[in-house]
Amino acid sequence: MSTADTIFRIAIADPYVKFSWGYLSERERASTREVHEASGVDNWWPIKAGLDTLKQMKLVEERDEVWSLTEFGKRVRDVQAATRELRVV
């Protein structure tokens, strides 16, 4: 999947995917517990599902319950940051 397609998929994803992506894209790595606690959601399952969706999109990987951005995830984050200020004319 291309970077542009992935950015579009994030934009239309459910709120838990968007939150998890926003949290990890700022920090590059975090534990499942850390992402869950930052979300303020009582049930951790939606956050875990959001993280799993990001993993399926190849944006993050999990090792020992710590999630980190993949190289593709870092590229998507960088493109999002670079294009955030652009306006369509």
PDB file of N, CA and C in Angstrom:
ATOM      1  N   MET A   1       0.844  -1.166   0.000  1.00  0.00           N
ATOM      2  CA  MET A   1       0.000   0.000   0.000  1.00  0.00           C
ATOM      3  C   MET A   1       0.896   1.238   0.000  1.00  0.00           C
ATOM      4  N   SER A   2       0.496   2.229  -0.751  1.00  0.00           N
ATOM      5  CA  SER A   2       1.300   3.447  -0.871  1.00  0.00           C
ATOM      6  C   SER A   2       1.135   4.336   0.365  1.00  0.00           C
ATOM      7  N   THR A   3       2.032   5.282   0.489  1.00  0.00           N
ATOM      8  CA  THR A   3       1.964   6.239   1.589  1.00  0.00           C
ATOM      9  C   THR A   3       0.663   7.035   1.519  1.00  0.00           C
ATOM     10  N   ALA A   4       0.299   7.503   0.333  1.00  0.00           N
ATOM     11  CA  ALA A   4      -0.934   8.285   0.173  1.00  0.00           C
ATOM     12  C   ALA A   4      -2.166   7.458   0.545  1.00  0.00           C
ATOM     13  N   ASP A   5      -2.216   6.197   0.104  1.00  0.00           N
ATOM     14  CA  ASP A   5      -3.342   5.326   0.460  1.00  0.00           C
ATOM     15  C   ASP A   5      -3.424   5.126   1.965  1.00  0.00           C
ATOM     16  N   THR A   6      -2.284   4.963   2.593  1.00  0.00           N
ATOM     17  CA  THR A   6      -2.251   4.750   4.032  1.00  0.00           C
ATOM     18  C   THR A   6      -2.726   5.993   4.778  1.00  0.00           C
ATOM     19  N   ILE A   7      -2.298   7.162   4.341  1.00  0.00           N
ATOM     20  CA  ILE A   7      -2.751   8.402   4.973  1.00  0.00           C
ATOM     21  C   ILE A   7      -4.265   8.540   4.844  1.00  0.00           C
ATOM     22  N   PHE A   8      -4.811   8.180   3.697  1.00  0.00           N
ATOM     23  CA  PHE A   8      -6.263   8.215   3.506  1.00  0.00           C
ATOM     24  C   PHE A   8      -6.951   7.227   4.443  1.00  0.00           C
ATOM     25  N   ARG A   9      -6.399   6.020   4.566  1.00  0.00           N
ATOM     26  CA  ARG A   9      -7.004   5.012   5.450  1.00  0.00           C
ATOM     27  C   ARG A   9      -6.991   5.467   6.899  1.00  0.00           C
ATOM     28  N   ILE A  10      -5.938   6.146   7.314  1.00  0.00           N
ATOM     29  CA  ILE A  10      -5.898   6.666   8.680  1.00  0.00           C
ATOM     30  C   ILE A  10      -6.983   7.725   8.861  1.00  0.00           C
ATOM     31  N   ALA A  11      -7.151   8.567   7.853  1.00  0.00           N
ATOM     32  CA  ALA A  11      -8.140   9.649   7.936  1.00  0.00           C
ATOM     33  C   ALA A  11      -9.565   9.137   8.091  1.00  0.00           C
ATOM     34  N   ILE A  12      -9.866   7.981   7.522  1.00  0.00           N
ATOM     35  CA  ILE A  12     -11.230   7.452   7.605  1.00  0.00           C
ATOM     36  C   ILE A  12     -11.372   6.340   8.646  1.00  0.00           C
ATOM     37  N   ALA A  13     -10.316   6.085   9.387  1.00  0.00           N
ATOM     38  CA  ALA A  13     -10.329   5.008  10.382  1.00  0.00           C
ATOM     39  C   ALA A  13     -11.168   5.399  11.596  1.00  0.00           C
ATOM     40  N   ASP A  14     -11.447   4.392  12.444  1.00  0.00           N
ATOM     41  CA  ASP A  14     -12.220   4.671  13.651  1.00  0.00           C
ATOM     42  C   ASP A  14     -11.377   5.492  14.638  1.00  0.00           C
ATOM     43  N   PRO A  15     -12.022   6.097  15.608  1.00  0.00           N
ATOM     44  CA  PRO A  15     -11.317   6.999  16.523  1.00  0.00           C
ATOM     45  C   PRO A  15     -10.177   6.337  17.302  1.00  0.00           C
ATOM     46  N   TYR A  16     -10.287   5.044  17.576  1.00  0.00           N
ATOM     47  CA  TYR A  16      -9.246   4.359  18.346  1.00  0.00           C
ATOM     48  C   TYR A  16      -7.989   4.162  17.511  1.00  0.00           C
ATOM     49  N   VAL A  17      -8.165   3.923  16.227  1.00  0.00           N
ATOM     50  CA  VAL A  17      -7.019   3.830  15.323  1.00  0.00           C
ATOM     51  C   VAL A  17      -6.359   5.202  15.229  1.00  0.00           C
ATOM     52  N   LYS A  18      -7.163   6.236  15.047  1.00  0.00           N
ATOM     53  CA  LYS A  18      -6.627   7.596  14.940  1.00  0.00           C
ATOM     54  C   LYS A  18      -5.891   8.009  16.217  1.00  0.00           C
ATOM     55  N   PHE A  19      -6.482   7.703  17.374  1.00  0.00           N
ATOM     56  CA  PHE A  19      -5.827   8.061  18.626  1.00  0.00           C
ATOM     57  C   PHE A  19      -4.496   7.322  18.767  1.00  0.00           C
ATOM     58  N   SER A  20      -4.517   6.023  18.530  1.00  0.00           N
ATOM     59  CA  SER A  20      -3.299   5.220  18.667  1.00  0.00           C
ATOM     60  C   SER A  20      -2.218   5.704  17.714  1.00  0.00           C
ATOM     61  N   TRP A  21      -2.615   6.032  16.486  1.00  0.00           N
ATOM     62  CA  TRP A  21      -1.646   6.537  15.515  1.00  0.00           C
ATOM     63  C   TRP A  21      -1.075   7.880  15.972  1.00  0.00           C
ATOM     64  N   GLY A  22      -1.938   8.778  16.407  1.00  0.00           N
ATOM     65  CA  GLY A  22      -1.470  10.077  16.866  1.00  0.00           C
ATOM     66  C   GLY A  22      -0.512   9.957  18.045  1.00  0.00           C
ATOM     67  N   TYR A  23      -0.844   9.077  18.974  1.00  0.00           N
ATOM     68  CA  TYR A  23      -0.005   8.895  20.154  1.00  0.00           C
ATOM     69  C   TYR A  23       1.359   8.328  19.767  1.00  0.00           C
ATOM     70  N   LEU A  24       1.358   7.275  18.963  1.00  0.00           N
ATOM     71  CA  LEU A  24       2.627   6.645  18.587  1.00  0.00           C
ATOM     72  C   LEU A  24       3.435   7.491  17.612  1.00  0.00           C
ATOM     73  N   SER A  25       2.775   8.213  16.740  1.00  0.00           N
ATOM     74  CA  SER A  25       3.531   9.021  15.781  1.00  0.00           C
ATOM     75  C   SER A  25       4.263  10.173  16.477  1.00  0.00           C
ATOM     76  N   GLU A  26       3.784  10.594  17.641  1.00  0.00           N
ATOM     77  CA  GLU A  26       4.474  11.630  18.413  1.00  0.00           C
ATOM     78  C   GLU A  26       5.631  11.062  19.231  1.00  0.00           C
ATOM     79  N   ARG A  27       5.499   9.826  19.672  1.00  0.00           N
ATOM     80  CA  ARG A  27       6.475   9.253  20.601  1.00  0.00           C
ATOM     81  C   ARG A  27       7.373   8.192  19.981  1.00  0.00           C
ATOM     82  N   GLU A  28       6.975   7.598  18.895  1.00  0.00           N
ATOM     83  CA  GLU A  28       7.665   6.520  18.179  1.00  0.00           C
ATOM     84  C   GLU A  28       7.570   5.167  18.864  1.00  0.00           C
ATOM     85  N   ARG A  29       7.426   5.127  20.187  1.00  0.00           N
ATOM     86  CA  ARG A  29       7.241   3.846  20.867  1.00  0.00           C
ATOM     87  C   ARG A  29       6.511   4.049  22.191  1.00  0.00           C
ATOM     88  N   ALA A  30       5.687   3.061  22.546  1.00  0.00           N
ATOM     89  CA  ALA A  30       4.938   3.115  23.799  1.00  0.00           C
ATOM     90  C   ALA A  30       4.366   1.728  24.081  1.00  0.00           C
ATOM     91  N   SER A  31       4.161   1.448  25.340  1.00  0.00           N
ATOM     92  CA  SER A  31       3.548   0.175  25.722  1.00  0.00           C
ATOM     93  C   SER A  31       2.040   0.246  25.487  1.00  0.00           C
ATOM     94  N   THR A  32       1.427  -0.919  25.425  1.00  0.00           N
ATOM     95  CA  THR A  32      -0.026  -0.986  25.284  1.00  0.00           C
ATOM     96  C   THR A  32      -0.681  -0.250  26.452  1.00  0.00           C
ATOM     97  N   ARG A  33      -0.174  -0.464  27.650  1.00  0.00           N
ATOM     98  CA  ARG A  33      -0.724   0.178  28.849  1.00  0.00           C
ATOM     99  C   ARG A  33      -0.624   1.702  28.748  1.00  0.00           C
ATOM    100  N   GLU A  34       0.509   2.198  28.280  1.00  0.00           N
ATOM    101  CA  GLU A  34       0.704   3.641  28.161  1.00  0.00           C
ATOM    102  C   GLU A  34      -0.297   4.256  27.182  1.00  0.00           C
ATOM    103  N   VAL A  35      -0.498   3.612  26.037  1.00  0.00           N
ATOM    104  CA  VAL A  35      -1.457   4.123  25.050  1.00  0.00           C
ATOM    105  C   VAL A  35      -2.865   4.087  25.643  1.00  0.00           C
ATOM    106  N   HIS A  36      -3.193   2.984  26.317  1.00  0.00           N
ATOM    107  CA  HIS A  36      -4.521   2.853  26.914  1.00  0.00           C
ATOM    108  C   HIS A  36      -4.752   3.920  27.974  1.00  0.00           C
ATOM    109  N   GLU A  37      -3.801   4.121  28.866  1.00  0.00           N
ATOM    110  CA  GLU A  37      -3.973   5.109  29.929  1.00  0.00           C
ATOM    111  C   GLU A  37      -4.112   6.526  29.362  1.00  0.00           C
ATOM    112  N   ALA A  38      -3.374   6.815  28.305  1.00  0.00           N
ATOM    113  CA  ALA A  38      -3.462   8.142  27.682  1.00  0.00           C
ATOM    114  C   ALA A  38      -4.809   8.361  27.008  1.00  0.00           C
ATOM    115  N   SER A  39      -5.452   7.276  26.588  1.00  0.00           N
ATOM    116  CA  SER A  39      -6.727   7.399  25.866  1.00  0.00           C
ATOM    117  C   SER A  39      -7.877   7.816  26.773  1.00  0.00           C
ATOM    118  N   GLY A  40      -7.794   7.455  28.043  1.00  0.00           N
ATOM    119  CA  GLY A  40      -8.879   7.761  28.965  1.00  0.00           C
ATOM    120  C   GLY A  40     -10.092   6.862  28.800  1.00  0.00           C
ATOM    121  N   VAL A  41      -9.974   5.809  28.007  1.00  0.00           N
ATOM    122  CA  VAL A  41     -11.065   4.865  27.777  1.00  0.00           C
ATOM    123  C   VAL A  41     -10.993   3.772  28.846  1.00  0.00           C
ATOM    124  N   ASP A  42     -12.138   3.419  29.439  1.00  0.00           N
ATOM    125  CA  ASP A  42     -12.143   2.394  30.483  1.00  0.00           C
ATOM    126  C   ASP A  42     -11.738   1.025  29.945  1.00  0.00           C
ATOM    127  N   ASN A  43     -12.330   0.635  28.843  1.00  0.00           N
ATOM    128  CA  ASN A  43     -12.084  -0.676  28.254  1.00  0.00           C
ATOM    129  C   ASN A  43     -10.885  -0.592  27.318  1.00  0.00           C
ATOM    130  N   TRP A  44      -9.891  -1.440  27.515  1.00  0.00           N
ATOM    131  CA  TRP A  44      -8.683  -1.353  26.695  1.00  0.00           C
ATOM    132  C   TRP A  44      -8.812  -2.065  25.366  1.00  0.00           C
ATOM    133  N   TRP A  45      -9.850  -2.861  25.161  1.00  0.00           N
ATOM    134  CA  TRP A  45      -9.994  -3.618  23.911  1.00  0.00           C
ATOM    135  C   TRP A  45     -10.056  -2.735  22.665  1.00  0.00           C
ATOM    136  N   PRO A  46     -10.797  -1.632  22.670  1.00  0.00           N
ATOM    137  CA  PRO A  46     -10.805  -0.790  21.463  1.00  0.00           C
ATOM    138  C   PRO A  46      -9.420  -0.234  21.117  1.00  0.00           C
ATOM    139  N   ILE A  47      -8.631   0.099  22.137  1.00  0.00           N
ATOM    140  CA  ILE A  47      -7.278   0.600  21.894  1.00  0.00           C
ATOM    141  C   ILE A  47      -6.414  -0.517  21.322  1.00  0.00           C
ATOM    142  N   LYS A  48      -6.524  -1.712  21.884  1.00  0.00           N
ATOM    143  CA  LYS A  48      -5.758  -2.860  21.376  1.00  0.00           C
ATOM    144  C   LYS A  48      -6.151  -3.141  19.928  1.00  0.00           C
ATOM    145  N   ALA A  49      -7.439  -3.059  19.618  1.00  0.00           N
ATOM    146  CA  ALA A  49      -7.897  -3.267  18.241  1.00  0.00           C
ATOM    147  C   ALA A  49      -7.335  -2.181  17.323  1.00  0.00           C
ATOM    148  N   GLY A  50      -7.276  -0.939  17.802  1.00  0.00           N
ATOM    149  CA  GLY A  50      -6.693   0.140  17.017  1.00  0.00           C
ATOM    150  C   GLY A  50      -5.222  -0.105  16.731  1.00  0.00           C
ATOM    151  N   LEU A  51      -4.492  -0.557  17.742  1.00  0.00           N
ATOM    152  CA  LEU A  51      -3.079  -0.880  17.559  1.00  0.00           C
ATOM    153  C   LEU A  51      -2.899  -2.036  16.575  1.00  0.00           C
ATOM    154  N   ASP A  52      -3.755  -3.036  16.685  1.00  0.00           N
ATOM    155  CA  ASP A  52      -3.684  -4.167  15.754  1.00  0.00           C
ATOM    156  C   ASP A  52      -3.971  -3.733  14.320  1.00  0.00           C
ATOM    157  N   THR A  53      -4.892  -2.796  14.146  1.00  0.00           N
ATOM    158  CA  THR A  53      -5.167  -2.263  12.809  1.00  0.00           C
ATOM    159  C   THR A  53      -3.934  -1.562  12.255  1.00  0.00           C
ATOM    160  N   LEU A  54      -3.265  -0.777  13.084  1.00  0.00           N
ATOM    161  CA  LEU A  54      -2.035  -0.106  12.650  1.00  0.00           C
ATOM    162  C   LEU A  54      -0.961  -1.128  12.287  1.00  0.00           C
ATOM    163  N   LYS A  55      -0.931  -2.226  13.017  1.00  0.00           N
ATOM    164  CA  LYS A  55       0.025  -3.300  12.705  1.00  0.00           C
ATOM    165  C   LYS A  55      -0.295  -3.927  11.352  1.00  0.00           C
ATOM    166  N   GLN A  56      -1.568  -4.163  11.083  1.00  0.00           N
ATOM    167  CA  GLN A  56      -1.981  -4.712   9.792  1.00  0.00           C
ATOM    168  C   GLN A  56      -1.638  -3.770   8.649  1.00  0.00           C
ATOM    169  N   MET A  57      -1.649  -2.480   8.932  1.00  0.00           N
ATOM    170  CA  MET A  57      -1.304  -1.474   7.923  1.00  0.00           C
ATOM    171  C   MET A  57       0.215  -1.310   7.795  1.00  0.00           C
ATOM    172  N   LYS A  58       0.952  -2.076   8.605  1.00  0.00           N
ATOM    173  CA  LYS A  58       2.422  -2.066   8.604  1.00  0.00           C
ATOM    174  C   LYS A  58       3.017  -0.734   9.064  1.00  0.00           C
ATOM    175  N   LEU A  59       2.269  -0.023   9.908  1.00  0.00           N
ATOM    176  CA  LEU A  59       2.742   1.249  10.453  1.00  0.00           C
ATOM    177  C   LEU A  59       3.493   1.066  11.762  1.00  0.00           C
ATOM    178  N   VAL A  60       3.117   0.030  12.512  1.00  0.00           N
ATOM    179  CA  VAL A  60       3.746  -0.240  13.803  1.00  0.00           C
ATOM    180  C   VAL A  60       4.054  -1.722  13.921  1.00  0.00           C
ATOM    181  N   GLU A  61       4.924  -2.026  14.873  1.00  0.00           N
ATOM    182  CA  GLU A  61       5.212  -3.420  15.204  1.00  0.00           C
ATOM    183  C   GLU A  61       5.246  -3.527  16.721  1.00  0.00           C
ATOM    184  N   GLU A  62       5.008  -4.741  17.209  1.00  0.00           N
ATOM    185  CA  GLU A  62       4.960  -4.964  18.650  1.00  0.00           C
ATOM    186  C   GLU A  62       6.024  -5.967  19.047  1.00  0.00           C
ATOM    187  N   ARG A  63       6.757  -5.600  20.087  1.00  0.00           N
ATOM    188  CA  ARG A  63       7.728  -6.518  20.685  1.00  0.00           C
ATOM    189  C   ARG A  63       7.617  -6.370  22.189  1.00  0.00           C
ATOM    190  N   ASP A  64       7.333  -7.477  22.872  1.00  0.00           N
ATOM    191  CA  ASP A  64       7.231  -7.480  24.336  1.00  0.00           C
ATOM    192  C   ASP A  64       6.267  -6.412  24.845  1.00  0.00           C
ATOM    193  N   GLU A  65       5.125  -6.306  24.200  1.00  0.00           N
ATOM    194  CA  GLU A  65       4.059  -5.366  24.550  1.00  0.00           C
ATOM    195  C   GLU A  65       4.464  -3.899  24.417  1.00  0.00           C
ATOM    196  N   VAL A  66       5.509  -3.646  23.646  1.00  0.00           N
ATOM    197  CA  VAL A  66       5.904  -2.275  23.330  1.00  0.00           C
ATOM    198  C   VAL A  66       5.714  -2.083  21.834  1.00  0.00           C
ATOM    199  N   TRP A  67       4.949  -1.068  21.485  1.00  0.00           N
ATOM    200  CA  TRP A  67       4.647  -0.751  20.098  1.00  0.00           C
ATOM    201  C   TRP A  67       5.605   0.316  19.611  1.00  0.00           C
ATOM    202  N   SER A  68       6.113   0.154  18.407  1.00  0.00           N
ATOM    203  CA  SER A  68       6.999   1.169  17.834  1.00  0.00           C
ATOM    204  C   SER A  68       6.701   1.328  16.352  1.00  0.00           C
ATOM    205  N   LEU A  69       7.030   2.505  15.832  1.00  0.00           N
ATOM    206  CA  LEU A  69       6.820   2.766  14.413  1.00  0.00           C
ATOM    207  C   LEU A  69       7.786   1.945  13.577  1.00  0.00           C
ATOM    208  N   THR A  70       7.283   1.437  12.471  1.00  0.00           N
ATOM    209  CA  THR A  70       8.142   0.787  11.490  1.00  0.00           C
ATOM    210  C   THR A  70       8.778   1.879  10.632  1.00  0.00           C
ATOM    211  N   GLU A  71       9.686   1.505   9.763  1.00  0.00           N
ATOM    212  CA  GLU A  71      10.269   2.499   8.848  1.00  0.00           C
ATOM    213  C   GLU A  71       9.175   3.098   7.968  1.00  0.00           C
ATOM    214  N   PHE A  72       8.222   2.252   7.527  1.00  0.00           N
ATOM    215  CA  PHE A  72       7.098   2.762   6.741  1.00  0.00           C
ATOM    216  C   PHE A  72       6.259   3.725   7.582  1.00  0.00           C
ATOM    217  N   GLY A  73       6.029   3.383   8.843  1.00  0.00           N
ATOM    218  CA  GLY A  73       5.273   4.256   9.737  1.00  0.00           C
ATOM    219  C   GLY A  73       5.944   5.605   9.914  1.00  0.00           C
ATOM    220  N   LYS A  74       7.267   5.610  10.033  1.00  0.00           N
ATOM    221  CA  LYS A  74       8.002   6.869  10.160  1.00  0.00           C
ATOM    222  C   LYS A  74       7.869   7.705   8.887  1.00  0.00           C
ATOM    223  N   ARG A  75       7.892   7.034   7.725  1.00  0.00           N
ATOM    224  CA  ARG A  75       7.738   7.757   6.462  1.00  0.00           C
ATOM    225  C   ARG A  75       6.355   8.384   6.371  1.00  0.00           C
ATOM    226  N   VAL A  76       5.314   7.615   6.736  1.00  0.00           N
ATOM    227  CA  VAL A  76       3.942   8.137   6.704  1.00  0.00           C
ATOM    228  C   VAL A  76       3.821   9.320   7.661  1.00  0.00           C
ATOM    229  N   ARG A  77       4.364   9.200   8.859  1.00  0.00           N
ATOM    230  CA  ARG A  77       4.339  10.301   9.829  1.00  0.00           C
ATOM    231  C   ARG A  77       5.016  11.548   9.267  1.00  0.00           C
ATOM    232  N   ASP A  78       6.163  11.355   8.634  1.00  0.00           N
ATOM    233  CA  ASP A  78       6.902  12.494   8.089  1.00  0.00           C
ATOM    234  C   ASP A  78       6.154  13.169   6.945  1.00  0.00           C
ATOM    235  N   VAL A  79       5.517  12.376   6.092  1.00  0.00           N
ATOM    236  CA  VAL A  79       4.731  12.946   4.991  1.00  0.00           C
ATOM    237  C   VAL A  79       3.528  13.694   5.556  1.00  0.00           C
ATOM    238  N   GLN A  80       2.863  13.125   6.543  1.00  0.00           N
ATOM    239  CA  GLN A  80       1.735  13.824   7.173  1.00  0.00           C
ATOM    240  C   GLN A  80       2.180  15.161   7.750  1.00  0.00           C
ATOM    241  N   ALA A  81       3.301  15.167   8.429  1.00  0.00           N
ATOM    242  CA  ALA A  81       3.797  16.403   9.042  1.00  0.00           C
ATOM    243  C   ALA A  81       4.155  17.431   7.972  1.00  0.00           C
ATOM    244  N   ALA A  82       4.757  16.985   6.893  1.00  0.00           N
ATOM    245  CA  ALA A  82       5.179  17.904   5.831  1.00  0.00           C
ATOM    246  C   ALA A  82       3.998  18.489   5.076  1.00  0.00           C
ATOM    247  N   THR A  83       2.922  17.734   4.972  1.00  0.00           N
ATOM    248  CA  THR A  83       1.769  18.196   4.193  1.00  0.00           C
ATOM    249  C   THR A  83       0.666  18.798   5.052  1.00  0.00           C
ATOM    250  N   ARG A  84       0.825  18.803   6.340  1.00  0.00           N
ATOM    251  CA  ARG A  84      -0.212  19.305   7.250  1.00  0.00           C
ATOM    252  C   ARG A  84      -0.565  20.761   6.972  1.00  0.00           C
ATOM    253  N   GLU A  85       0.423  21.553   6.637  1.00  0.00           N
ATOM    254  CA  GLU A  85       0.205  22.985   6.414  1.00  0.00           C
ATOM    255  C   GLU A  85      -0.183  23.343   4.996  1.00  0.00           C
ATOM    256  N   LEU A  86      -0.161  22.390   4.092  1.00  0.00           N
ATOM    257  CA  LEU A  86      -0.496  22.678   2.686  1.00  0.00           C
ATOM    258  C   LEU A  86      -1.998  22.883   2.537  1.00  0.00           C
ATOM    259  N   ARG A  87      -2.359  23.789   1.657  1.00  0.00           N
ATOM    260  CA  ARG A  87      -3.769  24.024   1.358  1.00  0.00           C
ATOM    261  C   ARG A  87      -4.008  23.730  -0.102  1.00  0.00           C
ATOM    262  N   VAL A  88      -5.182  23.235  -0.388  1.00  0.00           N
ATOM    263  CA  VAL A  88      -5.570  22.978  -1.777  1.00  0.00           C
ATOM    264  C   VAL A  88      -5.975  24.310  -2.398  1.00  0.00           C
ATOM    265  N   VAL A  89      -5.452  24.572  -3.608  1.00  0.00           N
ATOM    266  CA  VAL A  89      -5.814  25.814  -4.297  1.00  0.00           C
ATOM    267  C   VAL A  89      -6.595  25.518  -5.561  1.00  0.00           C
TER     268      VAL A  89
END
